[in-house]
Amino acid sequence: MLEKIRVPRLGLGRPRKKPDSLAADRAYSNGPVREYLRRRGVRHTIPEKSDSQAARLRKGARGGRPPGFDEDRYKKRNTVERAINHMKQFRAVATRYDKRGYVFLGTATAAAVAIWLRT
């Protein structure tokens, strides 16, 4: 009689890692998001909303310190976003018709080369 052999499945599920840092826009500048990132030990660069800043200043000393913000890191975020938007101009990259990862990587690479040659 044949027995089933159980083979462990490797590489499935989400990676159990956290990013070193995160750069986000003003929509994510609320307290719970910042607290979550602090708890996980992720450095973040998120600009403060003007109404949040006004409310903090209105409270005076009870308002606390302003959150840290690194302008240079935030400028790099803009560069990455513009590059991704250029890649999305290619329909195959934007919709991801390719089923397999290595095929999609080839499509994204071809799009990046085309963008590079245009500039």
PDB file of N, CA and C in Angstrom:
ATOM      1  N   MET A   1       0.836  -1.178   0.000  1.00  0.00           N
ATOM      2  CA  MET A   1       0.000   0.000   0.000  1.00  0.00           C
ATOM      3  C   MET A   1       0.888   1.251   0.000  1.00  0.00           C
ATOM      4  N   LEU A   2       0.514   2.211  -0.804  1.00  0.00           N
ATOM      5  CA  LEU A   2       1.274   3.459  -0.880  1.00  0.00           C
ATOM      6  C   LEU A   2       0.854   4.406   0.230  1.00  0.00           C
ATOM      7  N   GLU A   3       1.832   5.034   0.843  1.00  0.00           N
ATOM      8  CA  GLU A   3       1.555   6.012   1.892  1.00  0.00           C
ATOM      9  C   GLU A   3       1.830   7.413   1.347  1.00  0.00           C
ATOM     10  N   LYS A   4       1.045   8.337   1.836  1.00  0.00           N
ATOM     11  CA  LYS A   4       1.298   9.717   1.459  1.00  0.00           C
ATOM     12  C   LYS A   4       2.477  10.251   2.255  1.00  0.00           C
ATOM     13  N   ILE A   5       3.363  10.895   1.582  1.00  0.00           N
ATOM     14  CA  ILE A   5       4.501  11.510   2.241  1.00  0.00           C
ATOM     15  C   ILE A   5       4.213  12.995   2.359  1.00  0.00           C
ATOM     16  N   ARG A   6       4.332  13.510   3.539  1.00  0.00           N
ATOM     17  CA  ARG A   6       4.087  14.939   3.757  1.00  0.00           C
ATOM     18  C   ARG A   6       5.369  15.714   3.486  1.00  0.00           C
ATOM     19  N   VAL A   7       5.272  16.621   2.570  1.00  0.00           N
ATOM     20  CA  VAL A   7       6.408  17.473   2.231  1.00  0.00           C
ATOM     21  C   VAL A   7       6.128  18.855   2.812  1.00  0.00           C
ATOM     22  N   PRO A   8       7.056  19.377   3.613  1.00  0.00           N
ATOM     23  CA  PRO A   8       6.819  20.721   4.167  1.00  0.00           C
ATOM     24  C   PRO A   8       6.791  21.756   3.051  1.00  0.00           C
ATOM     25  N   ARG A   9       5.861  22.699   3.146  1.00  0.00           N
ATOM     26  CA  ARG A   9       5.724  23.751   2.156  1.00  0.00           C
ATOM     27  C   ARG A   9       6.514  24.967   2.630  1.00  0.00           C
ATOM     28  N   LEU A  10       7.511  25.280   1.879  1.00  0.00           N
ATOM     29  CA  LEU A  10       8.383  26.391   2.253  1.00  0.00           C
ATOM     30  C   LEU A  10       8.022  27.634   1.458  1.00  0.00           C
ATOM     31  N   GLY A  11       8.235  28.786   2.068  1.00  0.00           N
ATOM     32  CA  GLY A  11       8.061  30.038   1.361  1.00  0.00           C
ATOM     33  C   GLY A  11       6.621  30.514   1.247  1.00  0.00           C
ATOM     34  N   LEU A  12       5.728  29.956   2.026  1.00  0.00           N
ATOM     35  CA  LEU A  12       4.340  30.389   1.959  1.00  0.00           C
ATOM     36  C   LEU A  12       4.026  31.302   3.128  1.00  0.00           C
ATOM     37  N   GLY A  13       3.077  32.175   2.924  1.00  0.00           N
ATOM     38  CA  GLY A  13       2.685  33.094   3.981  1.00  0.00           C
ATOM     39  C   GLY A  13       3.436  34.404   3.877  1.00  0.00           C
ATOM     40  N   ARG A  14       3.087  35.305   4.754  1.00  0.00           N
ATOM     41  CA  ARG A  14       3.713  36.625   4.708  1.00  0.00           C
ATOM     42  C   ARG A  14       5.098  36.580   5.340  1.00  0.00           C
ATOM     43  N   PRO A  15       5.992  37.414   4.896  1.00  0.00           N
ATOM     44  CA  PRO A  15       7.324  37.434   5.500  1.00  0.00           C
ATOM     45  C   PRO A  15       7.255  37.960   6.928  1.00  0.00           C
ATOM     46  N   ARG A  16       7.987  37.400   7.798  1.00  0.00           N
ATOM     47  CA  ARG A  16       7.973  37.780   9.205  1.00  0.00           C
ATOM     48  C   ARG A  16       9.022  38.841   9.489  1.00  0.00           C
ATOM     49  N   LYS A  17       9.036  39.874   8.665  1.00  0.00           N
ATOM     50  CA  LYS A  17      10.006  40.951   8.828  1.00  0.00           C
ATOM     51  C   LYS A  17       9.274  42.265   8.914  1.00  0.00           C
ATOM     52  N   LYS A  18       9.955  43.260   9.410  1.00  0.00           N
ATOM     53  CA  LYS A  18       9.381  44.607   9.443  1.00  0.00           C
ATOM     54  C   LYS A  18      10.316  45.541   8.693  1.00  0.00           C
ATOM     55  N   PRO A  19       9.774  46.587   8.106  1.00  0.00           N
ATOM     56  CA  PRO A  19      10.648  47.523   7.390  1.00  0.00           C
ATOM     57  C   PRO A  19      11.477  48.348   8.360  1.00  0.00           C
ATOM     58  N   ASP A  20      12.627  48.813   7.905  1.00  0.00           N
ATOM     59  CA  ASP A  20      13.473  49.677   8.735  1.00  0.00           C
ATOM     60  C   ASP A  20      12.837  51.049   8.911  1.00  0.00           C
ATOM     61  N   SER A  21      12.241  51.550   7.821  1.00  0.00           N
ATOM     62  CA  SER A  21      11.650  52.880   7.890  1.00  0.00           C
ATOM     63  C   SER A  21      10.473  52.958   6.928  1.00  0.00           C
ATOM     64  N   LEU A  22       9.653  53.991   7.134  1.00  0.00           N
ATOM     65  CA  LEU A  22       8.459  54.183   6.322  1.00  0.00           C
ATOM     66  C   LEU A  22       8.297  55.667   6.049  1.00  0.00           C
ATOM     67  N   ALA A  23       7.971  56.005   4.809  1.00  0.00           N
ATOM     68  CA  ALA A  23       7.663  57.385   4.450  1.00  0.00           C
ATOM     69  C   ALA A  23       6.246  57.395   3.903  1.00  0.00           C
ATOM     70  N   ALA A  24       5.373  58.178   4.507  1.00  0.00           N
ATOM     71  CA  ALA A  24       3.970  58.208   4.104  1.00  0.00           C
ATOM     72  C   ALA A  24       3.517  59.653   3.964  1.00  0.00           C
ATOM     73  N   ASP A  25       2.329  59.837   3.369  1.00  0.00           N
ATOM     74  CA  ASP A  25       1.834  61.199   3.206  1.00  0.00           C
ATOM     75  C   ASP A  25       0.967  61.604   4.397  1.00  0.00           C
ATOM     76  N   ARG A  26       0.398  62.795   4.326  1.00  0.00           N
ATOM     77  CA  ARG A  26      -0.337  63.372   5.454  1.00  0.00           C
ATOM     78  C   ARG A  26      -1.548  62.556   5.889  1.00  0.00           C
ATOM     79  N   ALA A  27      -2.092  61.753   5.012  1.00  0.00           N
ATOM     80  CA  ALA A  27      -3.274  60.966   5.365  1.00  0.00           C
ATOM     81  C   ALA A  27      -2.984  59.996   6.508  1.00  0.00           C
ATOM     82  N   TYR A  28      -1.730  59.617   6.679  1.00  0.00           N
ATOM     83  CA  TYR A  28      -1.358  58.651   7.714  1.00  0.00           C
ATOM     84  C   TYR A  28      -0.729  59.319   8.934  1.00  0.00           C
ATOM     85  N   SER A  29      -0.993  60.596   9.148  1.00  0.00           N
ATOM     86  CA  SER A  29      -0.335  61.288  10.253  1.00  0.00           C
ATOM     87  C   SER A  29      -1.148  61.227  11.542  1.00  0.00           C
ATOM     88  N   ASN A  30      -2.150  60.356  11.614  1.00  0.00           N
ATOM     89  CA  ASN A  30      -2.947  60.288  12.841  1.00  0.00           C
ATOM     90  C   ASN A  30      -2.221  59.524  13.940  1.00  0.00           C
ATOM     91  N   GLY A  31      -2.714  59.680  15.157  1.00  0.00           N
ATOM     92  CA  GLY A  31      -2.069  59.093  16.326  1.00  0.00           C
ATOM     93  C   GLY A  31      -1.957  57.578  16.314  1.00  0.00           C
ATOM     94  N   PRO A  32      -3.035  56.852  15.994  1.00  0.00           N
ATOM     95  CA  PRO A  32      -2.931  55.390  16.013  1.00  0.00           C
ATOM     96  C   PRO A  32      -1.885  54.829  15.055  1.00  0.00           C
ATOM     97  N   VAL A  33      -1.738  55.433  13.882  1.00  0.00           N
ATOM     98  CA  VAL A  33      -0.735  54.947  12.932  1.00  0.00           C
ATOM     99  C   VAL A  33       0.661  55.193  13.486  1.00  0.00           C
ATOM    100  N   ARG A  34       0.890  56.394  14.008  1.00  0.00           N
ATOM    101  CA  ARG A  34       2.210  56.700  14.581  1.00  0.00           C
ATOM    102  C   ARG A  34       2.507  55.798  15.784  1.00  0.00           C
ATOM    103  N   GLU A  35       1.512  55.557  16.606  1.00  0.00           N
ATOM    104  CA  GLU A  35       1.704  54.703  17.784  1.00  0.00           C
ATOM    105  C   GLU A  35       2.032  53.271  17.367  1.00  0.00           C
ATOM    106  N   TYR A  36       1.336  52.765  16.354  1.00  0.00           N
ATOM    107  CA  TYR A  36       1.588  51.410  15.857  1.00  0.00           C
ATOM    108  C   TYR A  36       3.022  51.282  15.350  1.00  0.00           C
ATOM    109  N   LEU A  37       3.467  52.278  14.581  1.00  0.00           N
ATOM    110  CA  LEU A  37       4.830  52.238  14.048  1.00  0.00           C
ATOM    111  C   LEU A  37       5.860  52.330  15.167  1.00  0.00           C
ATOM    112  N   ARG A  38       5.585  53.172  16.170  1.00  0.00           N
ATOM    113  CA  ARG A  38       6.505  53.280  17.310  1.00  0.00           C
ATOM    114  C   ARG A  38       6.589  51.951  18.063  1.00  0.00           C
ATOM    115  N   ARG A  39       5.444  51.318  18.258  1.00  0.00           N
ATOM    116  CA  ARG A  39       5.400  50.048  18.982  1.00  0.00           C
ATOM    117  C   ARG A  39       6.174  48.958  18.249  1.00  0.00           C
ATOM    118  N   ARG A  40       6.121  48.976  16.915  1.00  0.00           N
ATOM    119  CA  ARG A  40       6.839  47.981  16.126  1.00  0.00           C
ATOM    120  C   ARG A  40       8.300  48.346  15.903  1.00  0.00           C
ATOM    121  N   GLY A  41       8.689  49.561  16.287  1.00  0.00           N
ATOM    122  CA  GLY A  41      10.078  49.983  16.140  1.00  0.00           C
ATOM    123  C   GLY A  41      10.433  50.395  14.724  1.00  0.00           C
ATOM    124  N   VAL A  42       9.459  50.915  13.982  1.00  0.00           N
ATOM    125  CA  VAL A  42       9.692  51.349  12.607  1.00  0.00           C
ATOM    126  C   VAL A  42       9.854  52.864  12.593  1.00  0.00           C
ATOM    127  N   ARG A  43      10.994  53.339  12.073  1.00  0.00           N
ATOM    128  CA  ARG A  43      11.177  54.790  11.930  1.00  0.00           C
ATOM    129  C   ARG A  43      10.226  55.288  10.864  1.00  0.00           C
ATOM    130  N   HIS A  44       9.661  56.470  11.068  1.00  0.00           N
ATOM    131  CA  HIS A  44       8.713  56.967  10.076  1.00  0.00           C
ATOM    132  C   HIS A  44       8.930  58.451   9.795  1.00  0.00           C
ATOM    133  N   THR A  45       8.611  58.807   8.559  1.00  0.00           N
ATOM    134  CA  THR A  45       8.647  60.191   8.116  1.00  0.00           C
ATOM    135  C   THR A  45       7.263  60.504   7.570  1.00  0.00           C
ATOM    136  N   ILE A  46       6.455  61.150   8.388  1.00  0.00           N
ATOM    137  CA  ILE A  46       5.092  61.499   8.010  1.00  0.00           C
ATOM    138  C   ILE A  46       4.884  62.966   8.370  1.00  0.00           C
ATOM    139  N   PRO A  47       4.545  63.812   7.396  1.00  0.00           N
ATOM    140  CA  PRO A  47       4.315  65.219   7.729  1.00  0.00           C
ATOM    141  C   PRO A  47       3.057  65.378   8.571  1.00  0.00           C
ATOM    142  N   GLU A  48       3.064  66.390   9.407  1.00  0.00           N
ATOM    143  CA  GLU A  48       1.920  66.643  10.285  1.00  0.00           C
ATOM    144  C   GLU A  48       0.872  67.472   9.546  1.00  0.00           C
ATOM    145  N   LYS A  49      -0.394  67.126   9.719  1.00  0.00           N
ATOM    146  CA  LYS A  49      -1.469  67.899   9.104  1.00  0.00           C
ATOM    147  C   LYS A  49      -1.528  69.282   9.748  1.00  0.00           C
ATOM    148  N   SER A  50      -1.957  70.270   8.968  1.00  0.00           N
ATOM    149  CA  SER A  50      -1.983  71.636   9.491  1.00  0.00           C
ATOM    150  C   SER A  50      -3.018  71.788  10.602  1.00  0.00           C
ATOM    151  N   ASP A  51      -4.167  71.096  10.511  1.00  0.00           N
ATOM    152  CA  ASP A  51      -5.158  71.211  11.578  1.00  0.00           C
ATOM    153  C   ASP A  51      -4.687  70.511  12.858  1.00  0.00           C
ATOM    154  N   SER A  52      -3.953  69.410  12.714  1.00  0.00           N
ATOM    155  CA  SER A  52      -3.392  68.737  13.887  1.00  0.00           C
ATOM    156  C   SER A  52      -2.334  69.613  14.554  1.00  0.00           C
ATOM    157  N   GLN A  53      -1.547  70.262  13.722  1.00  0.00           N
ATOM    158  CA  GLN A  53      -0.515  71.149  14.246  1.00  0.00           C
ATOM    159  C   GLN A  53      -1.154  72.324  14.978  1.00  0.00           C
ATOM    160  N   ALA A  54      -2.226  72.891  14.420  1.00  0.00           N
ATOM    161  CA  ALA A  54      -2.911  74.013  15.065  1.00  0.00           C
ATOM    162  C   ALA A  54      -3.515  73.578  16.397  1.00  0.00           C
ATOM    163  N   ALA A  55      -4.101  72.384  16.436  1.00  0.00           N
ATOM    164  CA  ALA A  55      -4.696  71.881  17.672  1.00  0.00           C
ATOM    165  C   ALA A  55      -3.624  71.650  18.735  1.00  0.00           C
ATOM    166  N   ARG A  56      -2.479  71.127  18.312  1.00  0.00           N
ATOM    167  CA  ARG A  56      -1.380  70.889  19.251  1.00  0.00           C
ATOM    168  C   ARG A  56      -0.864  72.207  19.810  1.00  0.00           C
ATOM    169  N   LEU A  57      -0.729  73.205  18.950  1.00  0.00           N
ATOM    170  CA  LEU A  57      -0.234  74.505  19.403  1.00  0.00           C
ATOM    171  C   LEU A  57      -1.253  75.214  20.300  1.00  0.00           C
ATOM    172  N   ARG A  58      -2.539  75.008  20.026  1.00  0.00           N
ATOM    173  CA  ARG A  58      -3.573  75.613  20.854  1.00  0.00           C
ATOM    174  C   ARG A  58      -3.525  75.095  22.296  1.00  0.00           C
ATOM    175  N   LYS A  59      -3.134  73.837  22.451  1.00  0.00           N
ATOM    176  CA  LYS A  59      -3.078  73.245  23.789  1.00  0.00           C
ATOM    177  C   LYS A  59      -1.894  73.762  24.596  1.00  0.00           C
ATOM    178  N   GLY A  60      -0.954  74.369  23.908  1.00  0.00           N
ATOM    179  CA  GLY A  60       0.202  74.914  24.609  1.00  0.00           C
ATOM    180  C   GLY A  60       1.129  73.799  25.065  1.00  0.00           C
ATOM    181  N   ALA A  61       1.548  73.879  26.343  1.00  0.00           N
ATOM    182  CA  ALA A  61       2.486  72.893  26.879  1.00  0.00           C
ATOM    183  C   ALA A  61       1.860  71.499  26.947  1.00  0.00           C
ATOM    184  N   ARG A  62       0.548  71.429  27.059  1.00  0.00           N
ATOM    185  CA  ARG A  62      -0.121  70.117  27.117  1.00  0.00           C
ATOM    186  C   ARG A  62      -0.192  69.439  25.755  1.00  0.00           C
ATOM    187  N   GLY A  63       0.103  70.190  24.690  1.00  0.00           N
ATOM    188  CA  GLY A  63       0.022  69.646  23.336  1.00  0.00           C
ATOM    189  C   GLY A  63       1.141  68.687  22.992  1.00  0.00           C
ATOM    190  N   GLY A  64       2.230  68.760  23.722  1.00  0.00           N
ATOM    191  CA  GLY A  64       3.361  67.866  23.480  1.00  0.00           C
ATOM    192  C   GLY A  64       4.300  68.387  22.409  1.00  0.00           C
ATOM    193  N   ARG A  65       5.308  67.584  22.143  1.00  0.00           N
ATOM    194  CA  ARG A  65       6.304  67.945  21.140  1.00  0.00           C
ATOM    195  C   ARG A  65       5.770  67.661  19.744  1.00  0.00           C
ATOM    196  N   PRO A  66       6.247  68.383  18.759  1.00  0.00           N
ATOM    197  CA  PRO A  66       5.871  68.032  17.379  1.00  0.00           C
ATOM    198  C   PRO A  66       6.574  66.731  16.975  1.00  0.00           C
ATOM    199  N   PRO A  67       5.922  65.908  16.156  1.00  0.00           N
ATOM    200  CA  PRO A  67       6.573  64.671  15.726  1.00  0.00           C
ATOM    201  C   PRO A  67       7.765  64.976  14.835  1.00  0.00           C
ATOM    202  N   GLY A  68       8.760  64.124  14.879  1.00  0.00           N
ATOM    203  CA  GLY A  68       9.951  64.320  14.064  1.00  0.00           C
ATOM    204  C   GLY A  68       9.638  64.204  12.588  1.00  0.00           C
ATOM    205  N   PHE A  69      10.335  64.980  11.767  1.00  0.00           N
ATOM    206  CA  PHE A  69      10.094  64.959  10.332  1.00  0.00           C
ATOM    207  C   PHE A  69      11.397  65.251   9.607  1.00  0.00           C
ATOM    208  N   ASP A  70      11.801  64.355   8.721  1.00  0.00           N
ATOM    209  CA  ASP A  70      13.034  64.511   7.963  1.00  0.00           C
ATOM    210  C   ASP A  70      12.682  64.864   6.515  1.00  0.00           C
ATOM    211  N   GLU A  71      12.915  66.115   6.132  1.00  0.00           N
ATOM    212  CA  GLU A  71      12.529  66.589   4.799  1.00  0.00           C
ATOM    213  C   GLU A  71      13.259  65.859   3.682  1.00  0.00           C
ATOM    214  N   ASP A  72      14.532  65.546   3.892  1.00  0.00           N
ATOM    215  CA  ASP A  72      15.307  64.887   2.842  1.00  0.00           C
ATOM    216  C   ASP A  72      14.750  63.504   2.525  1.00  0.00           C
ATOM    217  N   ARG A  73      14.394  62.760   3.551  1.00  0.00           N
ATOM    218  CA  ARG A  73      13.798  61.430   3.330  1.00  0.00           C
ATOM    219  C   ARG A  73      12.444  61.550   2.652  1.00  0.00           C
ATOM    220  N   TYR A  74      11.685  62.563   2.977  1.00  0.00           N
ATOM    221  CA  TYR A  74      10.369  62.746   2.371  1.00  0.00           C
ATOM    222  C   TYR A  74      10.493  63.110   0.893  1.00  0.00           C
ATOM    223  N   LYS A  75      11.522  63.853   0.529  1.00  0.00           N
ATOM    224  CA  LYS A  75      11.747  64.185  -0.872  1.00  0.00           C
ATOM    225  C   LYS A  75      12.064  62.935  -1.683  1.00  0.00           C
ATOM    226  N   LYS A  76      12.780  62.000  -1.098  1.00  0.00           N
ATOM    227  CA  LYS A  76      13.090  60.742  -1.791  1.00  0.00           C
ATOM    228  C   LYS A  76      11.825  59.925  -2.027  1.00  0.00           C
ATOM    229  N   ARG A  77      10.866  60.032  -1.138  1.00  0.00           N
ATOM    230  CA  ARG A  77       9.590  59.327  -1.299  1.00  0.00           C
ATOM    231  C   ARG A  77       8.892  59.808  -2.564  1.00  0.00           C
ATOM    232  N   ASN A  78       8.934  61.102  -2.815  1.00  0.00           N
ATOM    233  CA  ASN A  78       8.317  61.672  -3.997  1.00  0.00           C
ATOM    234  C   ASN A  78       8.961  61.117  -5.264  1.00  0.00           C
ATOM    235  N   THR A  79      10.256  60.945  -5.274  1.00  0.00           N
ATOM    236  CA  THR A  79      10.958  60.398  -6.431  1.00  0.00           C
ATOM    237  C   THR A  79      10.507  58.975  -6.718  1.00  0.00           C
ATOM    238  N   VAL A  80      10.376  58.174  -5.683  1.00  0.00           N
ATOM    239  CA  VAL A  80       9.942  56.785  -5.850  1.00  0.00           C
ATOM    240  C   VAL A  80       8.506  56.734  -6.367  1.00  0.00           C
ATOM    241  N   GLU A  81       7.638  57.577  -5.832  1.00  0.00           N
ATOM    242  CA  GLU A  81       6.244  57.596  -6.286  1.00  0.00           C
ATOM    243  C   GLU A  81       6.142  57.973  -7.754  1.00  0.00           C
ATOM    244  N   ARG A  82       6.930  58.943  -8.196  1.00  0.00           N
ATOM    245  CA  ARG A  82       6.888  59.331  -9.604  1.00  0.00           C
ATOM    246  C   ARG A  82       7.389  58.204 -10.495  1.00  0.00           C
ATOM    247  N   ALA A  83       8.401  57.462 -10.048  1.00  0.00           N
ATOM    248  CA  ALA A  83       8.903  56.327 -10.830  1.00  0.00           C
ATOM    249  C   ALA A  83       7.839  55.238 -10.956  1.00  0.00           C
ATOM    250  N   ILE A  84       7.119  54.973  -9.876  1.00  0.00           N
ATOM    251  CA  ILE A  84       6.049  53.972  -9.923  1.00  0.00           C
ATOM    252  C   ILE A  84       4.941  54.426 -10.861  1.00  0.00           C
ATOM    253  N   ASN A  85       4.604  55.704 -10.850  1.00  0.00           N
ATOM    254  CA  ASN A  85       3.583  56.215 -11.759  1.00  0.00           C
ATOM    255  C   ASN A  85       4.017  56.102 -13.217  1.00  0.00           C
ATOM    256  N   HIS A  86       5.303  56.282 -13.496  1.00  0.00           N
ATOM    257  CA  HIS A  86       5.800  56.071 -14.857  1.00  0.00           C
ATOM    258  C   HIS A  86       5.624  54.615 -15.260  1.00  0.00           C
ATOM    259  N   MET A  87       5.905  53.699 -14.334  1.00  0.00           N
ATOM    260  CA  MET A  87       5.759  52.266 -14.626  1.00  0.00           C
ATOM    261  C   MET A  87       4.307  51.903 -14.889  1.00  0.00           C
ATOM    262  N   LYS A  88       3.385  52.560 -14.208  1.00  0.00           N
ATOM    263  CA  LYS A  88       1.964  52.253 -14.377  1.00  0.00           C
ATOM    264  C   LYS A  88       1.418  52.708 -15.720  1.00  0.00           C
ATOM    265  N   GLN A  89       2.187  53.492 -16.473  1.00  0.00           N
ATOM    266  CA  GLN A  89       1.745  53.890 -17.803  1.00  0.00           C
ATOM    267  C   GLN A  89       1.735  52.703 -18.761  1.00  0.00           C
ATOM    268  N   PHE A  90       2.458  51.650 -18.409  1.00  0.00           N
ATOM    269  CA  PHE A  90       2.470  50.433 -19.209  1.00  0.00           C
ATOM    270  C   PHE A  90       1.344  49.525 -18.712  1.00  0.00           C
ATOM    271  N   ARG A  91       0.430  49.217 -19.603  1.00  0.00           N
ATOM    272  CA  ARG A  91      -0.788  48.498 -19.224  1.00  0.00           C
ATOM    273  C   ARG A  91      -0.487  47.152 -18.565  1.00  0.00           C
ATOM    274  N   ALA A  92       0.473  46.411 -19.083  1.00  0.00           N
ATOM    275  CA  ALA A  92       0.778  45.096 -18.528  1.00  0.00           C
ATOM    276  C   ALA A  92       1.308  45.193 -17.096  1.00  0.00           C
ATOM    277  N   VAL A  93       2.001  46.275 -16.803  1.00  0.00           N
ATOM    278  CA  VAL A  93       2.514  46.462 -15.443  1.00  0.00           C
ATOM    279  C   VAL A  93       1.389  46.903 -14.509  1.00  0.00           C
ATOM    280  N   ALA A  94       0.535  47.810 -14.996  1.00  0.00           N
ATOM    281  CA  ALA A  94      -0.524  48.368 -14.155  1.00  0.00           C
ATOM    282  C   ALA A  94      -1.571  47.320 -13.796  1.00  0.00           C
ATOM    283  N   THR A  95      -1.926  46.465 -14.746  1.00  0.00           N
ATOM    284  CA  THR A  95      -3.005  45.490 -14.500  1.00  0.00           C
ATOM    285  C   THR A  95      -2.481  44.150 -14.031  1.00  0.00           C
ATOM    286  N   ARG A  96      -1.223  43.878 -14.236  1.00  0.00           N
ATOM    287  CA  ARG A  96      -0.567  42.632 -13.874  1.00  0.00           C
ATOM    288  C   ARG A  96      -1.314  41.420 -14.400  1.00  0.00           C
ATOM    289  N   TYR A  97      -1.320  41.308 -15.717  1.00  0.00           N
ATOM    290  CA  TYR A  97      -1.915  40.147 -16.365  1.00  0.00           C
ATOM    291  C   TYR A  97      -1.064  38.896 -16.193  1.00  0.00           C
ATOM    292  N   ASP A  98       0.213  39.074 -15.990  1.00  0.00           N
ATOM    293  CA  ASP A  98       1.119  37.927 -15.884  1.00  0.00           C
ATOM    294  C   ASP A  98       0.827  37.136 -14.618  1.00  0.00           C
ATOM    295  N   LYS A  99       0.751  35.832 -14.761  1.00  0.00           N
ATOM    296  CA  LYS A  99       0.424  34.971 -13.614  1.00  0.00           C
ATOM    297  C   LYS A  99       1.642  34.686 -12.744  1.00  0.00           C
ATOM    298  N   ARG A 100       2.761  34.505 -13.370  1.00  0.00           N
ATOM    299  CA  ARG A 100       3.953  34.093 -12.628  1.00  0.00           C
ATOM    300  C   ARG A 100       4.842  35.297 -12.311  1.00  0.00           C
ATOM    301  N   GLY A 101       5.483  35.222 -11.163  1.00  0.00           N
ATOM    302  CA  GLY A 101       6.303  36.332 -10.693  1.00  0.00           C
ATOM    303  C   GLY A 101       7.459  36.657 -11.608  1.00  0.00           C
ATOM    304  N   TYR A 102       8.121  35.624 -12.136  1.00  0.00           N
ATOM    305  CA  TYR A 102       9.295  35.891 -12.962  1.00  0.00           C
ATOM    306  C   TYR A 102       8.894  36.508 -14.305  1.00  0.00           C
ATOM    307  N   VAL A 103       7.694  36.198 -14.789  1.00  0.00           N
ATOM    308  CA  VAL A 103       7.221  36.808 -16.028  1.00  0.00           C
ATOM    309  C   VAL A 103       6.897  38.286 -15.775  1.00  0.00           C
ATOM    310  N   PHE A 104       6.256  38.562 -14.635  1.00  0.00           N
ATOM    311  CA  PHE A 104       5.952  39.958 -14.293  1.00  0.00           C
ATOM    312  C   PHE A 104       7.232  40.756 -14.087  1.00  0.00           C
ATOM    313  N   LEU A 105       8.230  40.135 -13.486  1.00  0.00           N
ATOM    314  CA  LEU A 105       9.514  40.817 -13.304  1.00  0.00           C
ATOM    315  C   LEU A 105      10.118  41.190 -14.649  1.00  0.00           C
ATOM    316  N   GLY A 106      10.008  40.298 -15.626  1.00  0.00           N
ATOM    317  CA  GLY A 106      10.496  40.601 -16.971  1.00  0.00           C
ATOM    318  C   GLY A 106       9.726  41.745 -17.606  1.00  0.00           C
ATOM    319  N   THR A 107       8.399  41.753 -17.401  1.00  0.00           N
ATOM    320  CA  THR A 107       7.571  42.838 -17.938  1.00  0.00           C
ATOM    321  C   THR A 107       7.949  44.168 -17.300  1.00  0.00           C
ATOM    322  N   ALA A 108       8.103  44.174 -15.976  1.00  0.00           N
ATOM    323  CA  ALA A 108       8.474  45.402 -15.267  1.00  0.00           C
ATOM    324  C   ALA A 108       9.869  45.864 -15.682  1.00  0.00           C
ATOM    325  N   THR A 109      10.775  44.932 -15.903  1.00  0.00           N
ATOM    326  CA  THR A 109      12.128  45.287 -16.343  1.00  0.00           C
ATOM    327  C   THR A 109      12.100  45.898 -17.736  1.00  0.00           C
ATOM    328  N   ALA A 110      11.294  45.316 -18.635  1.00  0.00           N
ATOM    329  CA  ALA A 110      11.181  45.867 -19.988  1.00  0.00           C
ATOM    330  C   ALA A 110      10.594  47.278 -19.947  1.00  0.00           C
ATOM    331  N   ALA A 111       9.616  47.499 -19.089  1.00  0.00           N
ATOM    332  CA  ALA A 111       9.025  48.836 -18.945  1.00  0.00           C
ATOM    333  C   ALA A 111      10.060  49.819 -18.402  1.00  0.00           C
ATOM    334  N   ALA A 112      10.861  49.377 -17.417  1.00  0.00           N
ATOM    335  CA  ALA A 112      11.883  50.257 -16.844  1.00  0.00           C
ATOM    336  C   ALA A 112      12.936  50.621 -17.891  1.00  0.00           C
ATOM    337  N   VAL A 113      13.305  49.659 -18.730  1.00  0.00           N
ATOM    338  CA  VAL A 113      14.295  49.930 -19.790  1.00  0.00           C
ATOM    339  C   VAL A 113      13.723  50.923 -20.797  1.00  0.00           C
ATOM    340  N   ALA A 114      12.435  50.752 -21.144  1.00  0.00           N
ATOM    341  CA  ALA A 114      11.805  51.678 -22.088  1.00  0.00           C
ATOM    342  C   ALA A 114      11.766  53.095 -21.512  1.00  0.00           C
ATOM    343  N   ILE A 115      11.444  53.216 -20.235  1.00  0.00           N
ATOM    344  CA  ILE A 115      11.430  54.538 -19.582  1.00  0.00           C
ATOM    345  C   ILE A 115      12.833  55.132 -19.567  1.00  0.00           C
ATOM    346  N   TRP A 116      13.814  54.303 -19.272  1.00  0.00           N
ATOM    347  CA  TRP A 116      15.195  54.757 -19.211  1.00  0.00           C
ATOM    348  C   TRP A 116      15.672  55.247 -20.574  1.00  0.00           C
ATOM    349  N   LEU A 117      15.281  54.530 -21.627  1.00  0.00           N
ATOM    350  CA  LEU A 117      15.710  54.920 -22.976  1.00  0.00           C
ATOM    351  C   LEU A 117      15.028  56.210 -23.440  1.00  0.00           C
ATOM    352  N   ARG A 118      13.819  56.479 -22.951  1.00  0.00           N
ATOM    353  CA  ARG A 118      13.123  57.705 -23.329  1.00  0.00           C
ATOM    354  C   ARG A 118      13.748  58.930 -22.703  1.00  0.00           C
ATOM    355  N   THR A 119      14.341  58.791 -21.526  1.00  0.00           N
ATOM    356  CA  THR A 119      14.878  59.955 -20.818  1.00  0.00           C
ATOM    357  C   THR A 119      16.289  60.297 -21.271  1.00  0.00           C
TER     358      THR A 119
END
